[in-house]
Amino acid sequence: MVSIIPLDNTNLLFSVQSKLRHSSTLSLQQHFSSPSAAIDWGIQSVRYASLTMPVIGG
């Protein structure tokens, strides 16, 4: 099942994608207290993108 997402979340997804596209692992680590925090952020971003992509594409 795919849940419907508000437009605000769509804009959030695009901003996350652009950040991922233009950021390296080192620059991501600068925004977090530890490398593991940056890794967790990346995992959450991928999960969020995989959940919302079918809705945006459809």
Protein backbone atom coordinates (compact mmCIF):
# COMPACT_ATOMS: atom_id res chain seq x y z
CA MET A 1 0.00 0.00 0.00
CA VAL A 2 1.16 3.50 -0.78
CA SER A 3 -0.02 6.42 1.27
CA ILE A 4 -0.80 9.79 -0.28
CA ILE A 5 1.65 12.50 0.71
CA PRO A 6 1.07 16.25 0.92
CA LEU A 7 2.85 18.54 -1.53
CA ASP A 8 5.07 19.85 1.26
CA ASN A 9 6.61 16.40 1.60
CA THR A 10 7.23 16.32 -2.14
CA ASN A 11 9.21 19.55 -1.90
CA LEU A 12 11.08 18.11 1.07
CA LEU A 13 11.97 15.02 -0.93
CA PHE A 14 13.34 17.08 -3.81
CA SER A 15 15.47 19.15 -1.41
CA VAL A 16 16.78 15.96 0.18
CA GLN A 17 17.60 14.51 -3.24
CA SER A 18 19.49 17.64 -4.27
CA LYS A 19 21.41 17.63 -0.99
CA LEU A 20 22.34 14.01 -1.51
CA ARG A 21 23.35 14.72 -5.09
CA HIS A 22 25.61 17.64 -4.21
CA SER A 23 27.02 16.37 -0.93
CA SER A 24 29.92 14.08 -0.30
CA THR A 25 30.24 11.86 2.76
CA LEU A 26 32.72 14.29 4.30
CA SER A 27 30.47 17.31 3.91
CA LEU A 28 27.57 15.32 5.35
CA GLN A 29 29.64 14.36 8.38
CA GLN A 30 30.28 18.04 9.08
CA HIS A 31 26.56 18.50 9.75
CA PHE A 32 26.40 15.73 12.35
CA SER A 33 28.16 15.01 15.62
CA SER A 34 29.44 11.66 14.37
CA PRO A 35 29.80 9.65 11.15
CA SER A 36 27.15 7.21 12.40
CA ALA A 37 24.65 10.09 12.64
CA ALA A 38 25.34 10.97 9.01
CA ILE A 39 24.90 7.32 8.03
CA ASP A 40 21.59 7.16 9.90
CA TRP A 41 20.45 10.32 8.10
CA GLY A 42 21.35 8.76 4.76
CA ILE A 43 19.46 5.55 5.56
CA GLN A 44 16.37 7.52 6.57
CA SER A 45 16.60 9.58 3.40
CA VAL A 46 16.75 6.47 1.23
CA ARG A 47 13.80 4.93 3.07
CA TYR A 48 11.82 8.14 2.69
CA ALA A 49 12.63 8.38 -0.99
CA SER A 50 11.70 4.74 -1.61
CA LEU A 51 8.37 5.24 0.16
CA THR A 52 7.44 8.45 -1.64
CA MET A 53 8.87 7.85 -5.12
CA PRO A 54 5.94 5.66 -6.33
CA VAL A 55 3.52 8.44 -5.37
CA ILE A 56 5.54 11.14 -7.15
CA GLY A 57 6.11 8.97 -10.20
CA GLY A 58 2.47 7.95 -10.40
